[in-house]
Amino acid sequence: MFADSDGTCGHRRIAAQPARRGVAAGTELIRLLMRDLGLVACQPRPWRPVTTGQGPAGPIPDLVARDFSADVPGAKMVGDITYIPTWEGWLFLATVIEAYSGRGQTDSSQGRVNTKRRPAFREN
């Protein structure tokens, strides 16, 4: 059973298999047997999105010079994108804030980031 799981199942999951078949084997017994046999479960790390490295274009310029205020509406817009892990996969959330009023606009998509898509932002 341990080999069938590629070494990822621990003593609790291994103990559940005989219990389903009606064989009495407690988790402590399975844990001790696994220790005696030298079987150690290896939990695979969860997938995380990889941030892209700096390309040949060089560093990204700070176009607003860290000044997030504006004198007229629509003169300055700032934005960000973030990844949010959910039970169904990664949720990509894009936020754009108008610097004059501070009102935010957001759009989210599940699955993959589509750079060619021009989202219809929803006002908050």
PDB file of N, CA and C in Angstrom:
ATOM      1  N   MET A   1       0.821  -1.199   0.000  1.00  0.00           N
ATOM      2  CA  MET A   1       0.000   0.000   0.000  1.00  0.00           C
ATOM      3  C   MET A   1       0.859   1.255   0.000  1.00  0.00           C
ATOM      4  N   PHE A   2       1.975   1.209   0.760  1.00  0.00           N
ATOM      5  CA  PHE A   2       2.856   2.369   0.830  1.00  0.00           C
ATOM      6  C   PHE A   2       3.497   2.642  -0.526  1.00  0.00           C
ATOM      7  N   ALA A   3       3.921   1.589  -1.206  1.00  0.00           N
ATOM      8  CA  ALA A   3       4.558   1.751  -2.521  1.00  0.00           C
ATOM      9  C   ALA A   3       3.555   2.230  -3.568  1.00  0.00           C
ATOM     10  N   ASP A   4       2.294   1.796  -3.442  1.00  0.00           N
ATOM     11  CA  ASP A   4       1.268   2.232  -4.400  1.00  0.00           C
ATOM     12  C   ASP A   4       1.011   3.732  -4.326  1.00  0.00           C
ATOM     13  N   SER A   5       1.265   4.341  -3.166  1.00  0.00           N
ATOM     14  CA  SER A   5       1.028   5.777  -3.005  1.00  0.00           C
ATOM     15  C   SER A   5       2.270   6.601  -3.323  1.00  0.00           C
ATOM     16  N   ASP A   6       3.287   5.975  -3.882  1.00  0.00           N
ATOM     17  CA  ASP A   6       4.573   6.634  -4.163  1.00  0.00           C
ATOM     18  C   ASP A   6       5.212   7.193  -2.902  1.00  0.00           C
ATOM     19  N   GLY A   7       4.935   6.560  -1.775  1.00  0.00           N
ATOM     20  CA  GLY A   7       5.546   6.969  -0.516  1.00  0.00           C
ATOM     21  C   GLY A   7       4.947   8.211   0.107  1.00  0.00           C
ATOM     22  N   THR A   8       3.742   8.591  -0.322  1.00  0.00           N
ATOM     23  CA  THR A   8       3.147   9.817   0.215  1.00  0.00           C
ATOM     24  C   THR A   8       2.151   9.562   1.331  1.00  0.00           C
ATOM     25  N   CYS A   9       1.669   8.319   1.510  1.00  0.00           N
ATOM     26  CA  CYS A   9       0.672   8.036   2.549  1.00  0.00           C
ATOM     27  C   CYS A   9       1.346   7.791   3.891  1.00  0.00           C
ATOM     28  N   GLY A  10       0.786   8.392   4.927  1.00  0.00           N
ATOM     29  CA  GLY A  10       1.271   8.192   6.286  1.00  0.00           C
ATOM     30  C   GLY A  10       0.536   7.057   6.967  1.00  0.00           C
ATOM     31  N   HIS A  11       0.800   6.900   8.275  1.00  0.00           N
ATOM     32  CA  HIS A  11       0.243   5.748   8.987  1.00  0.00           C
ATOM     33  C   HIS A  11      -1.280   5.813   9.106  1.00  0.00           C
ATOM     34  N   ARG A  12      -1.868   6.994   9.179  1.00  0.00           N
ATOM     35  CA  ARG A  12      -3.326   7.084   9.286  1.00  0.00           C
ATOM     36  C   ARG A  12      -4.015   6.620   8.008  1.00  0.00           C
ATOM     37  N   ARG A  13      -3.507   7.052   6.878  1.00  0.00           N
ATOM     38  CA  ARG A  13      -4.110   6.663   5.605  1.00  0.00           C
ATOM     39  C   ARG A  13      -3.883   5.184   5.306  1.00  0.00           C
ATOM     40  N   ILE A  14      -2.689   4.697   5.652  1.00  0.00           N
ATOM     41  CA  ILE A  14      -2.386   3.281   5.454  1.00  0.00           C
ATOM     42  C   ILE A  14      -3.299   2.431   6.353  1.00  0.00           C
ATOM     43  N   ALA A  15      -3.544   2.872   7.589  1.00  0.00           N
ATOM     44  CA  ALA A  15      -4.386   2.122   8.522  1.00  0.00           C
ATOM     45  C   ALA A  15      -5.838   2.092   8.071  1.00  0.00           C
ATOM     46  N   ALA A  16      -6.264   3.077   7.315  1.00  0.00           N
ATOM     47  CA  ALA A  16      -7.648   3.118   6.846  1.00  0.00           C
ATOM     48  C   ALA A  16      -7.923   2.029   5.806  1.00  0.00           C
ATOM     49  N   GLN A  17      -6.910   1.613   5.053  1.00  0.00           N
ATOM     50  CA  GLN A  17      -7.101   0.599   4.012  1.00  0.00           C
ATOM     51  C   GLN A  17      -7.540  -0.757   4.582  1.00  0.00           C
ATOM     52  N   PRO A  18      -6.825  -1.327   5.560  1.00  0.00           N
ATOM     53  CA  PRO A  18      -7.291  -2.616   6.109  1.00  0.00           C
ATOM     54  C   PRO A  18      -8.630  -2.479   6.837  1.00  0.00           C
ATOM     55  N   ALA A  19      -8.867  -1.329   7.460  1.00  0.00           N
ATOM     56  CA  ALA A  19     -10.135  -1.134   8.175  1.00  0.00           C
ATOM     57  C   ALA A  19     -11.305  -1.199   7.216  1.00  0.00           C
ATOM     58  N   ARG A  20     -11.139  -0.700   5.988  1.00  0.00           N
ATOM     59  CA  ARG A  20     -12.207  -0.773   4.983  1.00  0.00           C
ATOM     60  C   ARG A  20     -12.504  -2.211   4.574  1.00  0.00           C
ATOM     61  N   ARG A  21     -11.488  -3.059   4.661  1.00  0.00           N
ATOM     62  CA  ARG A  21     -11.656  -4.469   4.285  1.00  0.00           C
ATOM     63  C   ARG A  21     -12.071  -5.340   5.472  1.00  0.00           C
ATOM     64  N   GLY A  22     -12.255  -4.724   6.649  1.00  0.00           N
ATOM     65  CA  GLY A  22     -12.688  -5.481   7.812  1.00  0.00           C
ATOM     66  C   GLY A  22     -11.562  -6.067   8.631  1.00  0.00           C
ATOM     67  N   VAL A  23     -10.317  -5.722   8.351  1.00  0.00           N
ATOM     68  CA  VAL A  23      -9.176  -6.220   9.104  1.00  0.00           C
ATOM     69  C   VAL A  23      -8.881  -5.225  10.226  1.00  0.00           C
ATOM     70  N   ALA A  24      -8.824  -5.709  11.461  1.00  0.00           N
ATOM     71  CA  ALA A  24      -8.569  -4.833  12.602  1.00  0.00           C
ATOM     72  C   ALA A  24      -7.074  -4.551  12.711  1.00  0.00           C
ATOM     73  N   ALA A  25      -6.692  -3.315  12.417  1.00  0.00           N
ATOM     74  CA  ALA A  25      -5.308  -2.872  12.569  1.00  0.00           C
ATOM     75  C   ALA A  25      -5.355  -1.397  12.944  1.00  0.00           C
ATOM     76  N   GLY A  26      -4.957  -1.085  14.171  1.00  0.00           N
ATOM     77  CA  GLY A  26      -5.015   0.296  14.646  1.00  0.00           C
ATOM     78  C   GLY A  26      -3.918   1.158  14.050  1.00  0.00           C
ATOM     79  N   THR A  27      -4.086   2.455  14.179  1.00  0.00           N
ATOM     80  CA  THR A  27      -3.094   3.379  13.629  1.00  0.00           C
ATOM     81  C   THR A  27      -1.759   3.261  14.352  1.00  0.00           C
ATOM     82  N   GLU A  28      -1.781   2.975  15.672  1.00  0.00           N
ATOM     83  CA  GLU A  28      -0.516   2.815  16.403  1.00  0.00           C
ATOM     84  C   GLU A  28       0.272   1.622  15.901  1.00  0.00           C
ATOM     85  N   LEU A  29      -0.424   0.513  15.636  1.00  0.00           N
ATOM     86  CA  LEU A  29       0.246  -0.684  15.110  1.00  0.00           C
ATOM     87  C   LEU A  29       0.879  -0.378  13.752  1.00  0.00           C
ATOM     88  N   ILE A  30       0.125   0.277  12.884  1.00  0.00           N
ATOM     89  CA  ILE A  30       0.647   0.622  11.554  1.00  0.00           C
ATOM     90  C   ILE A  30       1.829   1.573  11.681  1.00  0.00           C
ATOM     91  N   ARG A  31       1.728   2.548  12.594  1.00  0.00           N
ATOM     92  CA  ARG A  31       2.825   3.505  12.789  1.00  0.00           C
ATOM     93  C   ARG A  31       4.096   2.780  13.245  1.00  0.00           C
ATOM     94  N   LEU A  32       3.959   1.850  14.197  1.00  0.00           N
ATOM     95  CA  LEU A  32       5.114   1.100  14.681  1.00  0.00           C
ATOM     96  C   LEU A  32       5.703   0.205  13.597  1.00  0.00           C
ATOM     97  N   LEU A  33       4.829  -0.453  12.816  1.00  0.00           N
ATOM     98  CA  LEU A  33       5.323  -1.297  11.717  1.00  0.00           C
ATOM     99  C   LEU A  33       6.050  -0.470  10.658  1.00  0.00           C
ATOM    100  N   MET A  34       5.498   0.695  10.346  1.00  0.00           N
ATOM    101  CA  MET A  34       6.160   1.551   9.345  1.00  0.00           C
ATOM    102  C   MET A  34       7.513   2.022   9.863  1.00  0.00           C
ATOM    103  N   ARG A  35       7.586   2.345  11.147  1.00  0.00           N
ATOM    104  CA  ARG A  35       8.859   2.787  11.717  1.00  0.00           C
ATOM    105  C   ARG A  35       9.879   1.646  11.681  1.00  0.00           C
ATOM    106  N   ASP A  36       9.443   0.415  12.058  1.00  0.00           N
ATOM    107  CA  ASP A  36      10.344  -0.740  12.038  1.00  0.00           C
ATOM    108  C   ASP A  36      10.849  -1.050  10.626  1.00  0.00           C
ATOM    109  N   LEU A  37       9.990  -0.839   9.630  1.00  0.00           N
ATOM    110  CA  LEU A  37      10.379  -1.092   8.236  1.00  0.00           C
ATOM    111  C   LEU A  37      11.117   0.077   7.596  1.00  0.00           C
ATOM    112  N   GLY A  38      11.213   1.184   8.318  1.00  0.00           N
ATOM    113  CA  GLY A  38      11.915   2.363   7.787  1.00  0.00           C
ATOM    114  C   GLY A  38      11.119   3.124   6.742  1.00  0.00           C
ATOM    115  N   LEU A  39       9.793   3.004   6.774  1.00  0.00           N
ATOM    116  CA  LEU A  39       8.943   3.704   5.810  1.00  0.00           C
ATOM    117  C   LEU A  39       8.569   5.071   6.360  1.00  0.00           C
ATOM    118  N   VAL A  40       8.975   6.102   5.657  1.00  0.00           N
ATOM    119  CA  VAL A  40       8.676   7.474   6.073  1.00  0.00           C
ATOM    120  C   VAL A  40       7.910   8.135   4.940  1.00  0.00           C
ATOM    121  N   ALA A  41       6.736   8.673   5.272  1.00  0.00           N
ATOM    122  CA  ALA A  41       5.914   9.332   4.246  1.00  0.00           C
ATOM    123  C   ALA A  41       6.542  10.654   3.841  1.00  0.00           C
ATOM    124  N   CYS A  42       6.504  10.912   2.572  1.00  0.00           N
ATOM    125  CA  CYS A  42       7.024  12.160   2.021  1.00  0.00           C
ATOM    126  C   CYS A  42       5.844  12.941   1.461  1.00  0.00           C
ATOM    127  N   GLN A  43       5.534  14.064   2.052  1.00  0.00           N
ATOM    128  CA  GLN A  43       4.406  14.870   1.587  1.00  0.00           C
ATOM    129  C   GLN A  43       4.870  15.801   0.482  1.00  0.00           C
ATOM    130  N   PRO A  44       4.263  15.707  -0.703  1.00  0.00           N
ATOM    131  CA  PRO A  44       4.678  16.595  -1.795  1.00  0.00           C
ATOM    132  C   PRO A  44       4.286  18.036  -1.470  1.00  0.00           C
ATOM    133  N   ARG A  45       5.124  18.950  -1.866  1.00  0.00           N
ATOM    134  CA  ARG A  45       4.835  20.369  -1.640  1.00  0.00           C
ATOM    135  C   ARG A  45       3.740  20.823  -2.591  1.00  0.00           C
ATOM    136  N   PRO A  46       2.885  21.724  -2.131  1.00  0.00           N
ATOM    137  CA  PRO A  46       1.832  22.225  -3.020  1.00  0.00           C
ATOM    138  C   PRO A  46       2.419  23.083  -4.125  1.00  0.00           C
ATOM    139  N   TRP A  47       1.737  23.078  -5.270  1.00  0.00           N
ATOM    140  CA  TRP A  47       2.189  23.899  -6.393  1.00  0.00           C
ATOM    141  C   TRP A  47       1.962  25.366  -6.062  1.00  0.00           C
ATOM    142  N   ARG A  48       2.916  26.204  -6.337  1.00  0.00           N
ATOM    143  CA  ARG A  48       2.777  27.642  -6.134  1.00  0.00           C
ATOM    144  C   ARG A  48       3.163  28.337  -7.441  1.00  0.00           C
ATOM    145  N   PRO A  49       2.492  29.418  -7.762  1.00  0.00           N
ATOM    146  CA  PRO A  49       2.857  30.112  -9.000  1.00  0.00           C
ATOM    147  C   PRO A  49       4.253  30.694  -8.887  1.00  0.00           C
ATOM    148  N   VAL A  50       4.953  30.698  -9.986  1.00  0.00           N
ATOM    149  CA  VAL A  50       6.320  31.200 -10.028  1.00  0.00           C
ATOM    150  C   VAL A  50       6.286  32.626 -10.557  1.00  0.00           C
ATOM    151  N   THR A  51       6.891  33.527  -9.794  1.00  0.00           N
ATOM    152  CA  THR A  51       6.966  34.895 -10.290  1.00  0.00           C
ATOM    153  C   THR A  51       8.007  34.946 -11.398  1.00  0.00           C
ATOM    154  N   THR A  52       7.718  35.671 -12.420  1.00  0.00           N
ATOM    155  CA  THR A  52       8.620  35.729 -13.563  1.00  0.00           C
ATOM    156  C   THR A  52       9.836  36.571 -13.207  1.00  0.00           C
ATOM    157  N   GLY A  53      10.953  36.160 -13.691  1.00  0.00           N
ATOM    158  CA  GLY A  53      12.189  36.891 -13.447  1.00  0.00           C
ATOM    159  C   GLY A  53      12.271  38.145 -14.303  1.00  0.00           C
ATOM    160  N   GLN A  54      13.235  38.955 -13.977  1.00  0.00           N
ATOM    161  CA  GLN A  54      13.441  40.183 -14.721  1.00  0.00           C
ATOM    162  C   GLN A  54      13.945  39.844 -16.116  1.00  0.00           C
ATOM    163  N   GLY A  55      13.236  40.308 -17.112  1.00  0.00           N
ATOM    164  CA  GLY A  55      13.573  39.995 -18.493  1.00  0.00           C
ATOM    165  C   GLY A  55      14.668  40.880 -19.045  1.00  0.00           C
ATOM    166  N   PRO A  56      14.905  40.780 -20.353  1.00  0.00           N
ATOM    167  CA  PRO A  56      15.975  41.564 -20.968  1.00  0.00           C
ATOM    168  C   PRO A  56      15.661  43.058 -21.028  1.00  0.00           C
ATOM    169  N   ALA A  57      14.410  43.451 -20.725  1.00  0.00           N
ATOM    170  CA  ALA A  57      14.057  44.871 -20.791  1.00  0.00           C
ATOM    171  C   ALA A  57      14.623  45.665 -19.624  1.00  0.00           C
ATOM    172  N   GLY A  58      15.093  44.974 -18.574  1.00  0.00           N
ATOM    173  CA  GLY A  58      15.655  45.671 -17.429  1.00  0.00           C
ATOM    174  C   GLY A  58      14.625  45.894 -16.350  1.00  0.00           C
ATOM    175  N   PRO A  59      14.982  46.711 -15.358  1.00  0.00           N
ATOM    176  CA  PRO A  59      14.067  46.917 -14.237  1.00  0.00           C
ATOM    177  C   PRO A  59      12.817  47.687 -14.653  1.00  0.00           C
ATOM    178  N   ILE A  60      11.731  47.446 -13.922  1.00  0.00           N
ATOM    179  CA  ILE A  60      10.472  48.128 -14.212  1.00  0.00           C
ATOM    180  C   ILE A  60      10.531  49.528 -13.609  1.00  0.00           C
ATOM    181  N   PRO A  61      10.291  50.564 -14.400  1.00  0.00           N
ATOM    182  CA  PRO A  61      10.396  51.937 -13.874  1.00  0.00           C
ATOM    183  C   PRO A  61       9.231  52.275 -12.936  1.00  0.00           C
ATOM    184  N   ASP A  62       9.497  53.120 -11.950  1.00  0.00           N
ATOM    185  CA  ASP A  62       8.475  53.601 -11.021  1.00  0.00           C
ATOM    186  C   ASP A  62       7.893  54.880 -11.622  1.00  0.00           C
ATOM    187  N   LEU A  63       6.823  54.735 -12.402  1.00  0.00           N
ATOM    188  CA  LEU A  63       6.273  55.863 -13.159  1.00  0.00           C
ATOM    189  C   LEU A  63       5.574  56.899 -12.297  1.00  0.00           C
ATOM    190  N   VAL A  64       5.130  56.512 -11.110  1.00  0.00           N
ATOM    191  CA  VAL A  64       4.444  57.483 -10.248  1.00  0.00           C
ATOM    192  C   VAL A  64       5.357  58.010  -9.149  1.00  0.00           C
ATOM    193  N   ALA A  65       6.594  57.540  -9.091  1.00  0.00           N
ATOM    194  CA  ALA A  65       7.594  57.981  -8.115  1.00  0.00           C
ATOM    195  C   ALA A  65       7.049  57.904  -6.692  1.00  0.00           C
ATOM    196  N   ARG A  66       6.272  56.871  -6.410  1.00  0.00           N
ATOM    197  CA  ARG A  66       5.679  56.619  -5.093  1.00  0.00           C
ATOM    198  C   ARG A  66       4.768  57.745  -4.612  1.00  0.00           C
ATOM    199  N   ASP A  67       4.266  58.537  -5.536  1.00  0.00           N
ATOM    200  CA  ASP A  67       3.307  59.595  -5.202  1.00  0.00           C
ATOM    201  C   ASP A  67       1.936  59.124  -5.667  1.00  0.00           C
ATOM    202  N   PHE A  68       1.100  58.680  -4.729  1.00  0.00           N
ATOM    203  CA  PHE A  68      -0.195  58.108  -5.064  1.00  0.00           C
ATOM    204  C   PHE A  68      -1.328  59.114  -4.908  1.00  0.00           C
ATOM    205  N   SER A  69      -1.040  60.379  -5.134  1.00  0.00           N
ATOM    206  CA  SER A  69      -2.078  61.416  -5.109  1.00  0.00           C
ATOM    207  C   SER A  69      -2.175  62.027  -6.506  1.00  0.00           C
ATOM    208  N   ALA A  70      -3.345  62.612  -6.807  1.00  0.00           N
ATOM    209  CA  ALA A  70      -3.555  63.242  -8.111  1.00  0.00           C
ATOM    210  C   ALA A  70      -4.406  64.494  -7.918  1.00  0.00           C
ATOM    211  N   ASP A  71      -4.188  65.497  -8.767  1.00  0.00           N
ATOM    212  CA  ASP A  71      -4.931  66.757  -8.676  1.00  0.00           C
ATOM    213  C   ASP A  71      -6.238  66.717  -9.455  1.00  0.00           C
ATOM    214  N   VAL A  72      -6.303  65.890 -10.509  1.00  0.00           N
ATOM    215  CA  VAL A  72      -7.515  65.804 -11.332  1.00  0.00           C
ATOM    216  C   VAL A  72      -7.895  64.334 -11.502  1.00  0.00           C
ATOM    217  N   PRO A  73      -9.195  64.054 -11.662  1.00  0.00           N
ATOM    218  CA  PRO A  73      -9.615  62.661 -11.858  1.00  0.00           C
ATOM    219  C   PRO A  73      -9.058  62.072 -13.154  1.00  0.00           C
ATOM    220  N   GLY A  74      -8.665  60.804 -13.098  1.00  0.00           N
ATOM    221  CA  GLY A  74      -8.193  60.095 -14.281  1.00  0.00           C
ATOM    222  C   GLY A  74      -6.757  60.372 -14.654  1.00  0.00           C
ATOM    223  N   ALA A  75      -6.063  61.217 -13.898  1.00  0.00           N
ATOM    224  CA  ALA A  75      -4.681  61.546 -14.241  1.00  0.00           C
ATOM    225  C   ALA A  75      -3.711  60.430 -13.869  1.00  0.00           C
ATOM    226  N   LYS A  76      -4.042  59.679 -12.819  1.00  0.00           N
ATOM    227  CA  LYS A  76      -3.119  58.653 -12.343  1.00  0.00           C
ATOM    228  C   LYS A  76      -3.912  57.425 -11.905  1.00  0.00           C
ATOM    229  N   MET A  77      -3.543  56.261 -12.466  1.00  0.00           N
ATOM    230  CA  MET A  77      -4.156  54.986 -12.099  1.00  0.00           C
ATOM    231  C   MET A  77      -3.017  54.049 -11.691  1.00  0.00           C
ATOM    232  N   VAL A  78      -3.196  53.354 -10.582  1.00  0.00           N
ATOM    233  CA  VAL A  78      -2.197  52.392 -10.127  1.00  0.00           C
ATOM    234  C   VAL A  78      -2.864  51.037  -9.996  1.00  0.00           C
ATOM    235  N   GLY A  79      -2.086  49.969 -10.115  1.00  0.00           N
ATOM    236  CA  GLY A  79      -2.690  48.640 -10.077  1.00  0.00           C
ATOM    237  C   GLY A  79      -1.735  47.575  -9.589  1.00  0.00           C
ATOM    238  N   ASP A  80      -2.315  46.402  -9.359  1.00  0.00           N
ATOM    239  CA  ASP A  80      -1.550  45.256  -8.891  1.00  0.00           C
ATOM    240  C   ASP A  80      -2.312  43.989  -9.255  1.00  0.00           C
ATOM    241  N   ILE A  81      -1.610  42.860  -9.259  1.00  0.00           N
ATOM    242  CA  ILE A  81      -2.234  41.562  -9.465  1.00  0.00           C
ATOM    243  C   ILE A  81      -1.710  40.632  -8.385  1.00  0.00           C
ATOM    244  N   THR A  82      -2.573  39.773  -7.862  1.00  0.00           N
ATOM    245  CA  THR A  82      -2.170  38.848  -6.824  1.00  0.00           C
ATOM    246  C   THR A  82      -2.795  37.486  -7.074  1.00  0.00           C
ATOM    247  N   TYR A  83      -2.205  36.467  -6.477  1.00  0.00           N
ATOM    248  CA  TYR A  83      -2.694  35.104  -6.580  1.00  0.00           C
ATOM    249  C   TYR A  83      -3.310  34.727  -5.240  1.00  0.00           C
ATOM    250  N   ILE A  84      -4.507  34.141  -5.255  1.00  0.00           N
ATOM    251  CA  ILE A  84      -5.181  33.719  -4.037  1.00  0.00           C
ATOM    252  C   ILE A  84      -5.484  32.229  -4.165  1.00  0.00           C
ATOM    253  N   PRO A  85      -4.920  31.404  -3.254  1.00  0.00           N
ATOM    254  CA  PRO A  85      -5.225  29.970  -3.329  1.00  0.00           C
ATOM    255  C   PRO A  85      -6.644  29.696  -2.833  1.00  0.00           C
ATOM    256  N   THR A  86      -7.409  28.909  -3.598  1.00  0.00           N
ATOM    257  CA  THR A  86      -8.750  28.505  -3.194  1.00  0.00           C
ATOM    258  C   THR A  86      -8.835  26.991  -3.298  1.00  0.00           C
ATOM    259  N   TRP A  87      -9.950  26.410  -2.830  1.00  0.00           N
ATOM    260  CA  TRP A  87     -10.127  24.963  -2.913  1.00  0.00           C
ATOM    261  C   TRP A  87     -10.208  24.487  -4.358  1.00  0.00           C
ATOM    262  N   GLU A  88     -10.631  25.352  -5.272  1.00  0.00           N
ATOM    263  CA  GLU A  88     -10.793  24.963  -6.676  1.00  0.00           C
ATOM    264  C   GLU A  88      -9.572  25.294  -7.517  1.00  0.00           C
ATOM    265  N   GLY A  89      -8.560  25.887  -6.939  1.00  0.00           N
ATOM    266  CA  GLY A  89      -7.363  26.272  -7.679  1.00  0.00           C
ATOM    267  C   GLY A  89      -6.994  27.718  -7.372  1.00  0.00           C
ATOM    268  N   TRP A  90      -6.121  28.278  -8.185  1.00  0.00           N
ATOM    269  CA  TRP A  90      -5.655  29.643  -7.960  1.00  0.00           C
ATOM    270  C   TRP A  90      -6.639  30.650  -8.533  1.00  0.00           C
ATOM    271  N   LEU A  91      -6.863  31.718  -7.801  1.00  0.00           N
ATOM    272  CA  LEU A  91      -7.694  32.830  -8.249  1.00  0.00           C
ATOM    273  C   LEU A  91      -6.757  34.004  -8.483  1.00  0.00           C
ATOM    274  N   PHE A  92      -6.792  34.575  -9.660  1.00  0.00           N
ATOM    275  CA  PHE A  92      -5.956  35.716  -9.993  1.00  0.00           C
ATOM    276  C   PHE A  92      -6.802  36.975  -9.850  1.00  0.00           C
ATOM    277  N   LEU A  93      -6.377  37.904  -9.006  1.00  0.00           N
ATOM    278  CA  LEU A  93      -7.143  39.107  -8.720  1.00  0.00           C
ATOM    279  C   LEU A  93      -6.353  40.331  -9.169  1.00  0.00           C
ATOM    280  N   ALA A  94      -6.929  41.100 -10.080  1.00  0.00           N
ATOM    281  CA  ALA A  94      -6.304  42.332 -10.558  1.00  0.00           C
ATOM    282  C   ALA A  94      -7.043  43.513  -9.946  1.00  0.00           C
ATOM    283  N   THR A  95      -6.288  44.499  -9.479  1.00  0.00           N
ATOM    284  CA  THR A  95      -6.867  45.682  -8.853  1.00  0.00           C
ATOM    285  C   THR A  95      -6.296  46.924  -9.505  1.00  0.00           C
ATOM    286  N   VAL A  96      -7.165  47.884  -9.828  1.00  0.00           N
ATOM    287  CA  VAL A  96      -6.751  49.184 -10.349  1.00  0.00           C
ATOM    288  C   VAL A  96      -7.398  50.248  -9.467  1.00  0.00           C
ATOM    289  N   ILE A  97      -6.603  51.190  -8.982  1.00  0.00           N
ATOM    290  CA  ILE A  97      -7.106  52.250  -8.116  1.00  0.00           C
ATOM    291  C   ILE A  97      -6.858  53.588  -8.788  1.00  0.00           C
ATOM    292  N   GLU A  98      -7.900  54.395  -8.852  1.00  0.00           N
ATOM    293  CA  GLU A  98      -7.799  55.748  -9.394  1.00  0.00           C
ATOM    294  C   GLU A  98      -7.276  56.629  -8.262  1.00  0.00           C
ATOM    295  N   ALA A  99      -6.124  57.286  -8.469  1.00  0.00           N
ATOM    296  CA  ALA A  99      -5.423  57.988  -7.395  1.00  0.00           C
ATOM    297  C   ALA A  99      -6.186  59.207  -6.879  1.00  0.00           C
ATOM    298  N   TYR A 100      -6.968  59.878  -7.683  1.00  0.00           N
ATOM    299  CA  TYR A 100      -7.674  61.096  -7.250  1.00  0.00           C
ATOM    300  C   TYR A 100      -8.753  60.763  -6.217  1.00  0.00           C
ATOM    301  N   SER A 101      -9.626  59.809  -6.526  1.00  0.00           N
ATOM    302  CA  SER A 101     -10.729  59.492  -5.630  1.00  0.00           C
ATOM    303  C   SER A 101     -10.423  58.313  -4.711  1.00  0.00           C
ATOM    304  N   GLY A 102      -9.440  57.496  -5.046  1.00  0.00           N
ATOM    305  CA  GLY A 102      -9.126  56.320  -4.249  1.00  0.00           C
ATOM    306  C   GLY A 102     -10.093  55.167  -4.483  1.00  0.00           C
ATOM    307  N   ARG A 103     -10.961  55.289  -5.478  1.00  0.00           N
ATOM    308  CA  ARG A 103     -11.923  54.218  -5.776  1.00  0.00           C
ATOM    309  C   ARG A 103     -11.217  53.091  -6.520  1.00  0.00           C
ATOM    310  N   GLY A 104     -11.559  51.881  -6.123  1.00  0.00           N
ATOM    311  CA  GLY A 104     -10.921  50.732  -6.723  1.00  0.00           C
ATOM    312  C   GLY A 104     -11.802  50.046  -7.736  1.00  0.00           C
ATOM    313  N   GLN A 105     -11.167  49.377  -8.681  1.00  0.00           N
ATOM    314  CA  GLN A 105     -11.839  48.544  -9.661  1.00  0.00           C
ATOM    315  C   GLN A 105     -11.116  47.216  -9.637  1.00  0.00           C
ATOM    316  N   THR A 106     -11.871  46.127  -9.653  1.00  0.00           N
ATOM    317  CA  THR A 106     -11.245  44.805  -9.583  1.00  0.00           C
ATOM    318  C   THR A 106     -11.794  43.887 -10.655  1.00  0.00           C
ATOM    319  N   ASP A 107     -11.019  42.878 -10.971  1.00  0.00           N
ATOM    320  CA  ASP A 107     -11.460  41.801 -11.848  1.00  0.00           C
ATOM    321  C   ASP A 107     -10.723  40.554 -11.409  1.00  0.00           C
ATOM    322  N   SER A 108     -11.394  39.427 -11.463  1.00  0.00           N
ATOM    323  CA  SER A 108     -10.746  38.187 -11.061  1.00  0.00           C
ATOM    324  C   SER A 108     -11.013  37.123 -12.110  1.00  0.00           C
ATOM    325  N   SER A 109     -10.093  36.181 -12.200  1.00  0.00           N
ATOM    326  CA  SER A 109     -10.281  35.053 -13.106  1.00  0.00           C
ATOM    327  C   SER A 109      -9.685  33.831 -12.459  1.00  0.00           C
ATOM    328  N   GLN A 110     -10.312  32.703 -12.697  1.00  0.00           N
ATOM    329  CA  GLN A 110      -9.868  31.436 -12.130  1.00  0.00           C
ATOM    330  C   GLN A 110      -9.053  30.704 -13.190  1.00  0.00           C
ATOM    331  N   GLY A 111      -7.994  30.064 -12.765  1.00  0.00           N
ATOM    332  CA  GLY A 111      -7.245  29.231 -13.701  1.00  0.00           C
ATOM    333  C   GLY A 111      -5.944  29.852 -14.139  1.00  0.00           C
ATOM    334  N   ARG A 112      -5.944  30.495 -15.289  1.00  0.00           N
ATOM    335  CA  ARG A 112      -4.712  31.041 -15.841  1.00  0.00           C
ATOM    336  C   ARG A 112      -4.840  32.531 -16.059  1.00  0.00           C
ATOM    337  N   VAL A 113      -3.720  33.220 -15.984  1.00  0.00           N
ATOM    338  CA  VAL A 113      -3.702  34.640 -16.289  1.00  0.00           C
ATOM    339  C   VAL A 113      -3.712  34.784 -17.802  1.00  0.00           C
ATOM    340  N   ASN A 114      -4.684  35.517 -18.334  1.00  0.00           N
ATOM    341  CA  ASN A 114      -4.788  35.725 -19.770  1.00  0.00           C
ATOM    342  C   ASN A 114      -4.350  37.151 -20.060  1.00  0.00           C
ATOM    343  N   THR A 115      -3.128  37.312 -20.563  1.00  0.00           N
ATOM    344  CA  THR A 115      -2.591  38.653 -20.771  1.00  0.00           C
ATOM    345  C   THR A 115      -3.217  39.346 -21.972  1.00  0.00           C
ATOM    346  N   LYS A 116      -3.836  38.589 -22.887  1.00  0.00           N
ATOM    347  CA  LYS A 116      -4.435  39.204 -24.067  1.00  0.00           C
ATOM    348  C   LYS A 116      -5.851  39.706 -23.794  1.00  0.00           C
ATOM    349  N   ARG A 117      -6.419  39.267 -22.687  1.00  0.00           N
ATOM    350  CA  ARG A 117      -7.789  39.644 -22.354  1.00  0.00           C
ATOM    351  C   ARG A 117      -7.832  41.048 -21.787  1.00  0.00           C
ATOM    352  N   ARG A 118      -8.764  41.854 -22.228  1.00  0.00           N
ATOM    353  CA  ARG A 118      -8.974  43.173 -21.642  1.00  0.00           C
ATOM    354  C   ARG A 118     -10.207  43.065 -20.762  1.00  0.00           C
ATOM    355  N   PRO A 119     -10.012  42.945 -19.448  1.00  0.00           N
ATOM    356  CA  PRO A 119     -11.162  42.710 -18.573  1.00  0.00           C
ATOM    357  C   PRO A 119     -12.079  43.912 -18.466  1.00  0.00           C
ATOM    358  N   ALA A 120     -13.354  43.636 -18.310  1.00  0.00           N
ATOM    359  CA  ALA A 120     -14.324  44.677 -18.026  1.00  0.00           C
ATOM    360  C   ALA A 120     -14.341  44.834 -16.521  1.00  0.00           C
ATOM    361  N   PHE A 121     -13.637  45.818 -16.011  1.00  0.00           N
ATOM    362  CA  PHE A 121     -13.488  45.989 -14.576  1.00  0.00           C
ATOM    363  C   PHE A 121     -14.811  46.356 -13.939  1.00  0.00           C
ATOM    364  N   ARG A 122     -15.009  45.839 -12.744  1.00  0.00           N
ATOM    365  CA  ARG A 122     -16.199  46.141 -11.971  1.00  0.00           C
ATOM    366  C   ARG A 122     -15.858  47.194 -10.934  1.00  0.00           C
ATOM    367  N   GLU A 123     -16.665  48.220 -10.831  1.00  0.00           N
ATOM    368  CA  GLU A 123     -16.449  49.274  -9.843  1.00  0.00           C
ATOM    369  C   GLU A 123     -16.865  48.767  -8.476  1.00  0.00           C
ATOM    370  N   ASN A 124     -16.088  49.096  -7.463  1.00  0.00           N
ATOM    371  CA  ASN A 124     -16.447  48.717  -6.093  1.00  0.00           C
ATOM    372  C   ASN A 124     -16.972  49.916  -5.352  1.00  0.00           C
TER     373      ASN A 124
END
